[in-house]
Amino acid sequence: MSQNDLTRYQRQIKIKDFGNKSQIKLKHSKVTVFGCGGLGCPTATYLAASGVGIINLVDFQKPELSNLNRQIMHFESDLNTNFKSFSLKDKLLKLNSSIEINAFTEIIDDKSIDKFKDSDIFVNCLDNITTRYIINNFSIKEKIPIVHAGVNSFYGQLTSIIPDCTPCLNCIFPDNLTNSEGPPL
């Protein structure tokens, strides 16, 4: 690690049982964040701030005025001019220029998800249940852990899915529910 890295991350390096070894592991990690909205913005911000070496941002939508009250890294100047993934990338590089951030405008399907198979972990911050199941199925096939996050009104959920160790999304929600009143988010 460079002297800048040691200075930037000194407070987390000092955490008991974290240290340089864990910081180096973060620096060599690749995380793909699906969804750059209300959950994806703070998630990606903290990943960038903590020093994750490569962050892939995936979102095909553009920021809208109705997003700005909860999608904290999109600004009025971003409205209808840029995709959320590129808007978020611009802000995160200003926060931490020593990491790599890739922006994608993919609509995730069974074929396009293949480009993310070299990720160490997926973070699913989407509001589309069909795509959540595509990511789930791919993660099981490729043995890529998922952090699954969702929010709807005042209801939220967070879980980790580790292939071959924990239940997957299909196991937790076997009926592929799309009820807007409750899970899955």
N, C-alpha and C. Protein backbone atom coordinates (compact mmCIF):
# COMPACT_ATOMS: atom_id res chain seq x y z
N MET A 1 0.84 -1.19 0.00
CA MET A 1 0.00 0.00 0.00
C MET A 1 0.88 1.24 0.00
N SER A 2 0.39 2.28 -0.64
CA SER A 2 1.13 3.54 -0.69
C SER A 2 0.97 4.29 0.64
N GLN A 3 1.77 5.30 0.81
CA GLN A 3 1.64 6.14 2.01
C GLN A 3 0.27 6.82 2.03
N ASN A 4 -0.21 7.23 0.87
CA ASN A 4 -1.55 7.82 0.79
C ASN A 4 -2.62 6.83 1.27
N ASP A 5 -2.49 5.57 0.86
CA ASP A 5 -3.43 4.53 1.32
C ASP A 5 -3.38 4.38 2.83
N LEU A 6 -2.17 4.32 3.35
CA LEU A 6 -2.02 4.16 4.81
C LEU A 6 -2.64 5.33 5.56
N THR A 7 -2.48 6.52 5.03
CA THR A 7 -3.07 7.70 5.67
C THR A 7 -4.58 7.70 5.51
N ARG A 8 -5.06 7.47 4.30
CA ARG A 8 -6.50 7.49 4.02
C ARG A 8 -7.27 6.48 4.86
N TYR A 9 -6.74 5.27 4.98
CA TYR A 9 -7.46 4.18 5.62
C TYR A 9 -7.00 3.90 7.05
N GLN A 10 -6.22 4.79 7.63
CA GLN A 10 -5.62 4.53 8.94
C GLN A 10 -6.64 4.18 10.01
N ARG A 11 -7.79 4.80 9.99
CA ARG A 11 -8.76 4.52 11.06
C ARG A 11 -9.36 3.13 10.95
N GLN A 12 -9.59 2.65 9.75
CA GLN A 12 -10.10 1.28 9.65
C GLN A 12 -8.99 0.26 9.79
N ILE A 13 -7.78 0.61 9.40
CA ILE A 13 -6.65 -0.30 9.60
C ILE A 13 -6.41 -0.54 11.08
N LYS A 14 -6.69 0.48 11.91
CA LYS A 14 -6.49 0.37 13.36
C LYS A 14 -7.55 -0.51 14.05
N ILE A 15 -8.62 -0.81 13.37
CA ILE A 15 -9.68 -1.62 13.99
C ILE A 15 -9.12 -3.00 14.33
N LYS A 16 -9.41 -3.45 15.54
CA LYS A 16 -8.92 -4.75 16.00
C LYS A 16 -9.34 -5.85 15.00
N ASP A 17 -8.42 -6.68 14.65
CA ASP A 17 -8.61 -7.80 13.74
C ASP A 17 -8.88 -7.38 12.29
N PHE A 18 -8.62 -6.13 11.94
CA PHE A 18 -8.74 -5.69 10.54
C PHE A 18 -7.34 -5.53 9.96
N GLY A 19 -6.67 -4.45 10.28
CA GLY A 19 -5.27 -4.25 9.93
C GLY A 19 -4.95 -4.14 8.46
N ASN A 20 -3.66 -4.12 8.17
CA ASN A 20 -3.17 -3.97 6.79
C ASN A 20 -3.64 -5.12 5.89
N LYS A 21 -3.64 -6.32 6.44
CA LYS A 21 -4.01 -7.49 5.64
C LYS A 21 -5.42 -7.35 5.06
N SER A 22 -6.35 -6.93 5.86
CA SER A 22 -7.73 -6.75 5.39
C SER A 22 -7.84 -5.58 4.42
N GLN A 23 -7.08 -4.52 4.67
CA GLN A 23 -7.11 -3.37 3.76
C GLN A 23 -6.57 -3.75 2.39
N ILE A 24 -5.52 -4.54 2.38
CA ILE A 24 -4.96 -5.02 1.11
C ILE A 24 -5.98 -5.90 0.39
N LYS A 25 -6.69 -6.72 1.15
CA LYS A 25 -7.73 -7.58 0.55
C LYS A 25 -8.82 -6.72 -0.10
N LEU A 26 -9.23 -5.64 0.58
CA LEU A 26 -10.22 -4.72 -0.02
C LEU A 26 -9.67 -4.12 -1.31
N LYS A 27 -8.42 -3.71 -1.27
CA LYS A 27 -7.80 -3.06 -2.43
C LYS A 27 -7.77 -3.99 -3.64
N HIS A 28 -7.70 -5.29 -3.42
CA HIS A 28 -7.65 -6.26 -4.51
C HIS A 28 -8.99 -6.91 -4.79
N SER A 29 -10.07 -6.33 -4.28
CA SER A 29 -11.41 -6.89 -4.47
C SER A 29 -12.16 -6.18 -5.59
N LYS A 30 -13.06 -6.93 -6.20
CA LYS A 30 -13.95 -6.37 -7.23
C LYS A 30 -15.39 -6.63 -6.81
N VAL A 31 -16.14 -5.55 -6.66
CA VAL A 31 -17.54 -5.62 -6.24
C VAL A 31 -18.41 -5.05 -7.36
N THR A 32 -19.47 -5.76 -7.71
CA THR A 32 -20.42 -5.25 -8.68
C THR A 32 -21.70 -4.87 -7.95
N VAL A 33 -22.08 -3.60 -8.10
CA VAL A 33 -23.30 -3.07 -7.49
C VAL A 33 -24.35 -2.95 -8.59
N PHE A 34 -25.42 -3.72 -8.45
CA PHE A 34 -26.53 -3.65 -9.39
C PHE A 34 -27.57 -2.69 -8.83
N GLY A 35 -27.76 -1.58 -9.53
CA GLY A 35 -28.70 -0.56 -9.10
C GLY A 35 -27.97 0.61 -8.47
N CYS A 36 -28.13 1.78 -9.02
CA CYS A 36 -27.43 2.99 -8.54
C CYS A 36 -28.44 4.02 -8.04
N GLY A 37 -29.44 3.53 -7.32
CA GLY A 37 -30.48 4.40 -6.81
C GLY A 37 -30.39 4.59 -5.31
N GLY A 38 -31.53 4.48 -4.65
CA GLY A 38 -31.62 4.76 -3.22
C GLY A 38 -30.76 3.87 -2.35
N LEU A 39 -30.57 2.63 -2.71
CA LEU A 39 -29.68 1.72 -1.97
C LEU A 39 -28.28 1.69 -2.57
N GLY A 40 -28.20 1.72 -3.89
CA GLY A 40 -26.90 1.63 -4.55
C GLY A 40 -26.00 2.82 -4.31
N CYS A 41 -26.60 4.03 -4.20
CA CYS A 41 -25.78 5.23 -3.96
C CYS A 41 -24.99 5.15 -2.65
N PRO A 42 -25.65 4.94 -1.50
CA PRO A 42 -24.85 4.87 -0.27
C PRO A 42 -23.95 3.64 -0.21
N THR A 43 -24.40 2.54 -0.78
CA THR A 43 -23.58 1.33 -0.80
C THR A 43 -22.28 1.57 -1.54
N ALA A 44 -22.38 2.07 -2.76
CA ALA A 44 -21.18 2.32 -3.57
C ALA A 44 -20.29 3.39 -2.95
N THR A 45 -20.91 4.38 -2.30
CA THR A 45 -20.13 5.44 -1.66
C THR A 45 -19.25 4.86 -0.55
N TYR A 46 -19.82 4.00 0.28
CA TYR A 46 -19.03 3.41 1.35
C TYR A 46 -18.01 2.40 0.83
N LEU A 47 -18.33 1.70 -0.24
CA LEU A 47 -17.34 0.80 -0.83
C LEU A 47 -16.15 1.59 -1.35
N ALA A 48 -16.43 2.70 -2.02
CA ALA A 48 -15.35 3.55 -2.54
C ALA A 48 -14.55 4.17 -1.40
N ALA A 49 -15.23 4.67 -0.40
CA ALA A 49 -14.55 5.31 0.72
C ALA A 49 -13.68 4.33 1.49
N SER A 50 -14.09 3.08 1.56
CA SER A 50 -13.33 2.08 2.33
C SER A 50 -12.16 1.51 1.56
N GLY A 51 -12.09 1.76 0.23
CA GLY A 51 -10.94 1.33 -0.54
C GLY A 51 -11.10 0.06 -1.34
N VAL A 52 -12.33 -0.33 -1.66
CA VAL A 52 -12.51 -1.48 -2.56
C VAL A 52 -11.86 -1.10 -3.89
N GLY A 53 -11.00 -1.95 -4.39
CA GLY A 53 -10.16 -1.63 -5.54
C GLY A 53 -10.88 -1.42 -6.85
N ILE A 54 -11.87 -2.26 -7.14
CA ILE A 54 -12.63 -2.12 -8.39
C ILE A 54 -14.11 -2.23 -8.04
N ILE A 55 -14.85 -1.24 -8.48
CA ILE A 55 -16.30 -1.23 -8.28
C ILE A 55 -16.97 -1.11 -9.64
N ASN A 56 -17.82 -2.07 -9.96
CA ASN A 56 -18.65 -2.00 -11.15
C ASN A 56 -20.02 -1.47 -10.74
N LEU A 57 -20.49 -0.46 -11.44
CA LEU A 57 -21.82 0.13 -11.20
C LEU A 57 -22.70 -0.18 -12.39
N VAL A 58 -23.86 -0.79 -12.13
CA VAL A 58 -24.73 -1.22 -13.22
C VAL A 58 -26.11 -0.61 -13.04
N ASP A 59 -26.52 0.25 -13.98
CA ASP A 59 -27.86 0.83 -13.97
C ASP A 59 -28.12 1.46 -15.33
N PHE A 60 -29.25 1.17 -15.93
CA PHE A 60 -29.55 1.68 -17.27
C PHE A 60 -30.49 2.90 -17.24
N GLN A 61 -30.86 3.37 -16.05
CA GLN A 61 -31.78 4.50 -15.95
C GLN A 61 -31.03 5.81 -15.76
N LYS A 62 -31.73 6.91 -16.04
CA LYS A 62 -31.20 8.25 -15.81
C LYS A 62 -31.87 8.83 -14.57
N PRO A 63 -31.15 9.67 -13.81
CA PRO A 63 -31.77 10.29 -12.64
C PRO A 63 -32.96 11.17 -13.03
N GLU A 64 -33.97 11.14 -12.19
CA GLU A 64 -35.16 11.97 -12.37
C GLU A 64 -35.36 12.81 -11.11
N LEU A 65 -36.09 13.89 -11.24
CA LEU A 65 -36.30 14.78 -10.10
C LEU A 65 -36.87 14.03 -8.90
N SER A 66 -37.78 13.09 -9.14
CA SER A 66 -38.40 12.34 -8.04
C SER A 66 -37.41 11.41 -7.34
N ASN A 67 -36.22 11.21 -7.89
CA ASN A 67 -35.19 10.38 -7.27
C ASN A 67 -34.37 11.13 -6.23
N LEU A 68 -34.27 12.44 -6.36
CA LEU A 68 -33.26 13.20 -5.64
C LEU A 68 -33.45 13.24 -4.13
N ASN A 69 -34.64 12.95 -3.64
CA ASN A 69 -34.85 12.96 -2.19
C ASN A 69 -34.27 11.73 -1.50
N ARG A 70 -33.90 10.71 -2.26
CA ARG A 70 -33.38 9.49 -1.64
C ARG A 70 -32.15 8.93 -2.35
N GLN A 71 -31.88 9.35 -3.54
CA GLN A 71 -30.71 8.88 -4.30
C GLN A 71 -29.62 9.94 -4.18
N ILE A 72 -28.92 9.89 -3.06
CA ILE A 72 -28.14 11.01 -2.55
C ILE A 72 -26.90 11.38 -3.36
N MET A 73 -26.49 10.59 -4.29
CA MET A 73 -25.31 10.94 -5.08
C MET A 73 -25.67 11.43 -6.49
N HIS A 74 -26.95 11.64 -6.75
CA HIS A 74 -27.38 12.25 -8.01
C HIS A 74 -27.86 13.65 -7.69
N PHE A 75 -27.47 14.60 -8.52
CA PHE A 75 -27.75 16.01 -8.27
C PHE A 75 -28.66 16.57 -9.36
N GLU A 76 -29.18 17.76 -9.15
CA GLU A 76 -30.04 18.40 -10.15
C GLU A 76 -29.34 18.50 -11.50
N SER A 77 -28.04 18.73 -11.49
CA SER A 77 -27.30 18.84 -12.75
C SER A 77 -27.23 17.51 -13.51
N ASP A 78 -27.56 16.41 -12.85
CA ASP A 78 -27.54 15.10 -13.50
C ASP A 78 -28.86 14.74 -14.17
N LEU A 79 -29.91 15.50 -13.90
CA LEU A 79 -31.24 15.13 -14.38
C LEU A 79 -31.28 14.99 -15.89
N ASN A 80 -31.69 13.82 -16.33
CA ASN A 80 -31.91 13.51 -17.75
C ASN A 80 -30.71 13.76 -18.64
N THR A 81 -29.51 13.87 -18.06
CA THR A 81 -28.33 14.12 -18.88
C THR A 81 -27.37 12.94 -18.90
N ASN A 82 -27.43 12.09 -17.90
CA ASN A 82 -26.46 11.02 -17.77
C ASN A 82 -27.13 9.81 -17.14
N PHE A 83 -26.61 8.64 -17.39
CA PHE A 83 -27.12 7.45 -16.73
C PHE A 83 -26.69 7.46 -15.27
N LYS A 84 -27.49 6.82 -14.41
CA LYS A 84 -27.17 6.79 -12.98
C LYS A 84 -25.80 6.19 -12.72
N SER A 85 -25.43 5.17 -13.47
CA SER A 85 -24.13 4.53 -13.24
C SER A 85 -22.98 5.51 -13.52
N PHE A 86 -23.09 6.32 -14.56
CA PHE A 86 -22.05 7.30 -14.88
C PHE A 86 -22.08 8.48 -13.92
N SER A 87 -23.27 8.91 -13.54
CA SER A 87 -23.41 10.00 -12.56
C SER A 87 -22.74 9.61 -11.24
N LEU A 88 -23.02 8.39 -10.77
CA LEU A 88 -22.44 7.92 -9.52
C LEU A 88 -20.93 7.74 -9.66
N LYS A 89 -20.49 7.21 -10.77
CA LYS A 89 -19.05 7.03 -11.00
C LYS A 89 -18.33 8.37 -10.87
N ASP A 90 -18.86 9.42 -11.49
CA ASP A 90 -18.23 10.74 -11.43
C ASP A 90 -18.03 11.20 -9.99
N LYS A 91 -19.05 11.03 -9.15
CA LYS A 91 -18.95 11.48 -7.76
C LYS A 91 -17.97 10.62 -6.97
N LEU A 92 -18.00 9.31 -7.19
CA LEU A 92 -17.14 8.41 -6.43
C LEU A 92 -15.66 8.62 -6.76
N LEU A 93 -15.36 8.93 -8.01
CA LEU A 93 -13.97 9.20 -8.36
C LEU A 93 -13.47 10.49 -7.72
N LYS A 94 -14.37 11.42 -7.45
CA LYS A 94 -13.98 12.64 -6.72
C LYS A 94 -13.75 12.34 -5.25
N LEU A 95 -14.42 11.31 -4.74
CA LEU A 95 -14.24 10.88 -3.37
C LEU A 95 -12.94 10.09 -3.20
N ASN A 96 -12.66 9.20 -4.16
CA ASN A 96 -11.48 8.34 -4.06
C ASN A 96 -10.96 8.06 -5.47
N SER A 97 -9.96 8.82 -5.87
CA SER A 97 -9.40 8.67 -7.23
C SER A 97 -8.40 7.52 -7.33
N SER A 98 -8.11 6.85 -6.24
CA SER A 98 -7.11 5.78 -6.26
C SER A 98 -7.72 4.41 -6.54
N ILE A 99 -9.03 4.36 -6.79
CA ILE A 99 -9.68 3.09 -7.10
C ILE A 99 -10.20 3.12 -8.53
N GLU A 100 -10.58 1.97 -9.03
CA GLU A 100 -11.14 1.87 -10.38
C GLU A 100 -12.64 1.72 -10.27
N ILE A 101 -13.35 2.52 -11.05
CA ILE A 101 -14.81 2.44 -11.07
C ILE A 101 -15.25 2.31 -12.52
N ASN A 102 -16.05 1.30 -12.79
CA ASN A 102 -16.57 1.06 -14.12
C ASN A 102 -18.08 1.25 -14.11
N ALA A 103 -18.59 1.98 -15.09
CA ALA A 103 -20.02 2.23 -15.19
C ALA A 103 -20.59 1.46 -16.39
N PHE A 104 -21.72 0.81 -16.15
CA PHE A 104 -22.38 0.02 -17.19
C PHE A 104 -23.85 0.42 -17.27
N THR A 105 -24.38 0.42 -18.48
CA THR A 105 -25.80 0.73 -18.69
C THR A 105 -26.54 -0.51 -19.19
N GLU A 106 -26.07 -1.65 -18.73
CA GLU A 106 -26.65 -2.92 -19.16
C GLU A 106 -28.06 -3.13 -18.61
N ILE A 107 -28.90 -3.69 -19.41
CA ILE A 107 -30.12 -4.31 -18.90
C ILE A 107 -29.72 -5.75 -18.65
N ILE A 108 -29.78 -6.18 -17.41
CA ILE A 108 -29.27 -7.49 -17.03
C ILE A 108 -30.23 -8.58 -17.49
N ASP A 109 -29.67 -9.52 -18.23
CA ASP A 109 -30.41 -10.72 -18.62
C ASP A 109 -29.45 -11.90 -18.51
N ASP A 110 -29.90 -13.07 -18.92
CA ASP A 110 -29.08 -14.27 -18.77
C ASP A 110 -27.76 -14.21 -19.54
N LYS A 111 -27.67 -13.37 -20.56
CA LYS A 111 -26.43 -13.25 -21.33
C LYS A 111 -25.55 -12.11 -20.84
N SER A 112 -26.13 -10.94 -20.62
CA SER A 112 -25.33 -9.76 -20.27
C SER A 112 -24.66 -9.88 -18.90
N ILE A 113 -25.24 -10.65 -18.01
CA ILE A 113 -24.66 -10.78 -16.66
C ILE A 113 -23.30 -11.48 -16.69
N ASP A 114 -23.05 -12.23 -17.75
CA ASP A 114 -21.80 -12.98 -17.86
C ASP A 114 -20.57 -12.08 -17.78
N LYS A 115 -20.68 -10.82 -18.18
CA LYS A 115 -19.51 -9.93 -18.15
C LYS A 115 -19.06 -9.60 -16.73
N PHE A 116 -19.86 -9.96 -15.72
CA PHE A 116 -19.52 -9.65 -14.33
C PHE A 116 -19.05 -10.88 -13.56
N LYS A 117 -18.75 -11.97 -14.26
CA LYS A 117 -18.40 -13.22 -13.59
C LYS A 117 -17.07 -13.19 -12.88
N ASP A 118 -16.25 -12.16 -13.11
CA ASP A 118 -14.99 -12.07 -12.39
C ASP A 118 -15.10 -11.24 -11.11
N SER A 119 -16.32 -10.94 -10.70
CA SER A 119 -16.56 -10.19 -9.46
C SER A 119 -16.33 -11.10 -8.25
N ASP A 120 -15.87 -10.49 -7.17
CA ASP A 120 -15.73 -11.22 -5.91
C ASP A 120 -17.05 -11.30 -5.16
N ILE A 121 -17.88 -10.30 -5.37
CA ILE A 121 -19.19 -10.26 -4.69
C ILE A 121 -20.13 -9.37 -5.49
N PHE A 122 -21.40 -9.71 -5.45
CA PHE A 122 -22.46 -8.89 -6.03
C PHE A 122 -23.21 -8.20 -4.89
N VAL A 123 -23.59 -6.96 -5.12
CA VAL A 123 -24.49 -6.26 -4.21
C VAL A 123 -25.73 -5.93 -5.03
N ASN A 124 -26.85 -6.52 -4.64
CA ASN A 124 -28.09 -6.38 -5.39
C ASN A 124 -28.96 -5.31 -4.75
N CYS A 125 -28.99 -4.14 -5.37
CA CYS A 125 -29.77 -3.00 -4.89
C CYS A 125 -30.87 -2.63 -5.87
N LEU A 126 -31.37 -3.60 -6.58
CA LEU A 126 -32.36 -3.36 -7.63
C LEU A 126 -33.78 -3.30 -7.09
N ASP A 127 -34.66 -2.73 -7.90
CA ASP A 127 -36.09 -2.74 -7.56
C ASP A 127 -36.86 -3.63 -8.54
N ASN A 128 -36.16 -4.48 -9.25
CA ASN A 128 -36.77 -5.35 -10.25
C ASN A 128 -36.59 -6.80 -9.83
N ILE A 129 -37.67 -7.46 -9.50
CA ILE A 129 -37.61 -8.81 -8.95
C ILE A 129 -37.10 -9.82 -9.99
N THR A 130 -37.47 -9.65 -11.24
CA THR A 130 -37.02 -10.59 -12.27
C THR A 130 -35.50 -10.57 -12.39
N THR A 131 -34.92 -9.38 -12.37
CA THR A 131 -33.47 -9.25 -12.46
C THR A 131 -32.80 -9.78 -11.20
N ARG A 132 -33.43 -9.62 -10.07
CA ARG A 132 -32.88 -10.18 -8.82
C ARG A 132 -32.71 -11.70 -8.94
N TYR A 133 -33.68 -12.36 -9.55
CA TYR A 133 -33.59 -13.81 -9.71
C TYR A 133 -32.53 -14.20 -10.75
N ILE A 134 -32.35 -13.37 -11.78
CA ILE A 134 -31.28 -13.64 -12.75
C ILE A 134 -29.93 -13.57 -12.05
N ILE A 135 -29.73 -12.54 -11.24
CA ILE A 135 -28.48 -12.40 -10.50
C ILE A 135 -28.30 -13.56 -9.53
N ASN A 136 -29.36 -13.94 -8.84
CA ASN A 136 -29.31 -15.07 -7.91
C ASN A 136 -28.87 -16.35 -8.62
N ASN A 137 -29.51 -16.66 -9.73
CA ASN A 137 -29.19 -17.90 -10.45
C ASN A 137 -27.76 -17.89 -10.97
N PHE A 138 -27.32 -16.75 -11.47
CA PHE A 138 -25.95 -16.64 -11.97
C PHE A 138 -24.95 -16.78 -10.82
N SER A 139 -25.25 -16.18 -9.69
CA SER A 139 -24.32 -16.25 -8.56
C SER A 139 -24.16 -17.69 -8.07
N ILE A 140 -25.24 -18.44 -8.09
CA ILE A 140 -25.16 -19.85 -7.68
C ILE A 140 -24.28 -20.62 -8.67
N LYS A 141 -24.51 -20.39 -9.94
CA LYS A 141 -23.74 -21.08 -10.98
C LYS A 141 -22.25 -20.75 -10.89
N GLU A 142 -21.93 -19.48 -10.67
CA GLU A 142 -20.54 -19.02 -10.66
C GLU A 142 -19.92 -18.96 -9.27
N LYS A 143 -20.72 -19.30 -8.24
CA LYS A 143 -20.23 -19.30 -6.84
C LYS A 143 -19.79 -17.90 -6.38
N ILE A 144 -20.60 -16.90 -6.73
CA ILE A 144 -20.32 -15.51 -6.34
C ILE A 144 -21.31 -15.12 -5.24
N PRO A 145 -20.83 -14.75 -4.06
CA PRO A 145 -21.74 -14.32 -2.99
C PRO A 145 -22.51 -13.05 -3.37
N ILE A 146 -23.69 -12.92 -2.79
CA ILE A 146 -24.54 -11.74 -3.01
C ILE A 146 -24.88 -11.12 -1.67
N VAL A 147 -24.84 -9.80 -1.63
CA VAL A 147 -25.51 -9.07 -0.57
C VAL A 147 -26.81 -8.59 -1.19
N HIS A 148 -27.91 -9.06 -0.67
CA HIS A 148 -29.24 -8.76 -1.20
C HIS A 148 -29.87 -7.70 -0.31
N ALA A 149 -30.20 -6.55 -0.89
CA ALA A 149 -30.81 -5.46 -0.13
C ALA A 149 -32.07 -5.00 -0.85
N GLY A 150 -33.07 -4.66 -0.08
CA GLY A 150 -34.30 -4.16 -0.68
C GLY A 150 -35.05 -3.27 0.28
N VAL A 151 -35.80 -2.36 -0.28
CA VAL A 151 -36.63 -1.47 0.54
C VAL A 151 -37.91 -1.16 -0.23
N ASN A 152 -38.99 -1.08 0.51
CA ASN A 152 -40.29 -0.75 -0.06
C ASN A 152 -41.07 -0.03 1.03
N SER A 153 -41.32 1.25 0.84
CA SER A 153 -42.02 2.06 1.83
C SER A 153 -41.22 2.06 3.14
N PHE A 154 -41.80 1.57 4.23
CA PHE A 154 -41.10 1.51 5.51
C PHE A 154 -40.54 0.12 5.81
N TYR A 155 -40.52 -0.74 4.82
CA TYR A 155 -40.08 -2.11 4.99
C TYR A 155 -38.75 -2.30 4.27
N GLY A 156 -37.78 -2.89 4.92
CA GLY A 156 -36.51 -3.16 4.29
C GLY A 156 -36.00 -4.53 4.66
N GLN A 157 -35.09 -5.04 3.85
CA GLN A 157 -34.48 -6.34 4.15
C GLN A 157 -33.04 -6.34 3.66
N LEU A 158 -32.25 -7.13 4.34
CA LEU A 158 -30.85 -7.27 3.99
C LEU A 158 -30.44 -8.69 4.36
N THR A 159 -29.81 -9.36 3.44
CA THR A 159 -29.30 -10.70 3.72
C THR A 159 -28.10 -10.97 2.83
N SER A 160 -27.32 -11.92 3.22
CA SER A 160 -26.23 -12.36 2.36
C SER A 160 -26.55 -13.76 1.85
N ILE A 161 -26.19 -13.99 0.63
CA ILE A 161 -26.39 -15.29 -0.01
C ILE A 161 -25.02 -15.79 -0.43
N ILE A 162 -24.62 -16.88 0.17
CA ILE A 162 -23.32 -17.47 -0.14
C ILE A 162 -23.58 -18.85 -0.76
N PRO A 163 -23.29 -18.99 -2.05
CA PRO A 163 -23.58 -20.26 -2.73
C PRO A 163 -22.98 -21.45 -1.99
N ASP A 164 -23.77 -22.49 -1.88
CA ASP A 164 -23.43 -23.75 -1.22
C ASP A 164 -23.32 -23.64 0.31
N CYS A 165 -23.62 -22.46 0.88
CA CYS A 165 -23.56 -22.29 2.34
C CYS A 165 -24.87 -21.79 2.93
N THR A 166 -25.56 -20.93 2.23
CA THR A 166 -26.80 -20.34 2.75
C THR A 166 -27.92 -20.54 1.74
N PRO A 167 -29.16 -20.36 2.17
CA PRO A 167 -30.26 -20.40 1.21
C PRO A 167 -30.09 -19.29 0.17
N CYS A 168 -30.54 -19.57 -1.05
CA CYS A 168 -30.49 -18.57 -2.11
C CYS A 168 -31.82 -17.82 -2.15
N LEU A 169 -31.92 -16.86 -3.04
CA LEU A 169 -33.15 -16.08 -3.14
C LEU A 169 -34.34 -16.97 -3.50
N ASN A 170 -34.12 -17.94 -4.39
CA ASN A 170 -35.20 -18.87 -4.74
C ASN A 170 -35.62 -19.72 -3.55
N CYS A 171 -34.67 -20.02 -2.66
CA CYS A 171 -34.99 -20.80 -1.45
C CYS A 171 -35.78 -19.95 -0.45
N ILE A 172 -35.40 -18.69 -0.32
CA ILE A 172 -36.06 -17.80 0.63
C ILE A 172 -37.45 -17.41 0.14
N PHE A 173 -37.55 -17.13 -1.16
CA PHE A 173 -38.82 -16.72 -1.78
C PHE A 173 -39.12 -17.65 -2.95
N PRO A 174 -39.57 -18.87 -2.69
CA PRO A 174 -39.71 -19.87 -3.75
C PRO A 174 -40.81 -19.57 -4.76
N ASP A 175 -41.73 -18.70 -4.43
CA ASP A 175 -42.83 -18.44 -5.35
C ASP A 175 -42.56 -17.26 -6.27
N ASN A 176 -41.33 -16.70 -6.23
CA ASN A 176 -40.99 -15.55 -7.07
C ASN A 176 -42.05 -14.46 -6.92
N LEU A 177 -42.32 -14.12 -5.67
CA LEU A 177 -43.36 -13.16 -5.35
C LEU A 177 -43.07 -11.80 -5.97
N THR A 178 -44.11 -11.13 -6.42
CA THR A 178 -43.97 -9.77 -6.94
C THR A 178 -44.95 -8.83 -6.25
N ASN A 179 -45.44 -9.24 -5.11
CA ASN A 179 -46.41 -8.44 -4.36
C ASN A 179 -45.74 -7.18 -3.84
N SER A 180 -46.27 -6.00 -4.19
CA SER A 180 -45.67 -4.75 -3.76
C SER A 180 -45.93 -4.47 -2.28
N GLU A 181 -46.75 -5.26 -1.64
CA GLU A 181 -47.04 -5.07 -0.23
C GLU A 181 -45.99 -5.67 0.69
N GLY A 182 -45.15 -6.53 0.19
CA GLY A 182 -44.17 -7.18 1.05
C GLY A 182 -43.05 -7.80 0.26
N PRO A 183 -42.34 -8.73 0.84
CA PRO A 183 -41.15 -9.29 0.21
C PRO A 183 -41.50 -10.07 -1.05
N PRO A 184 -40.53 -10.34 -1.92
CA PRO A 184 -39.16 -9.86 -1.86
C PRO A 184 -39.06 -8.46 -2.44
N LEU A 185 -38.07 -7.75 -2.01
CA LEU A 185 -37.90 -6.37 -2.46
C LEU A 185 -36.94 -6.31 -3.62
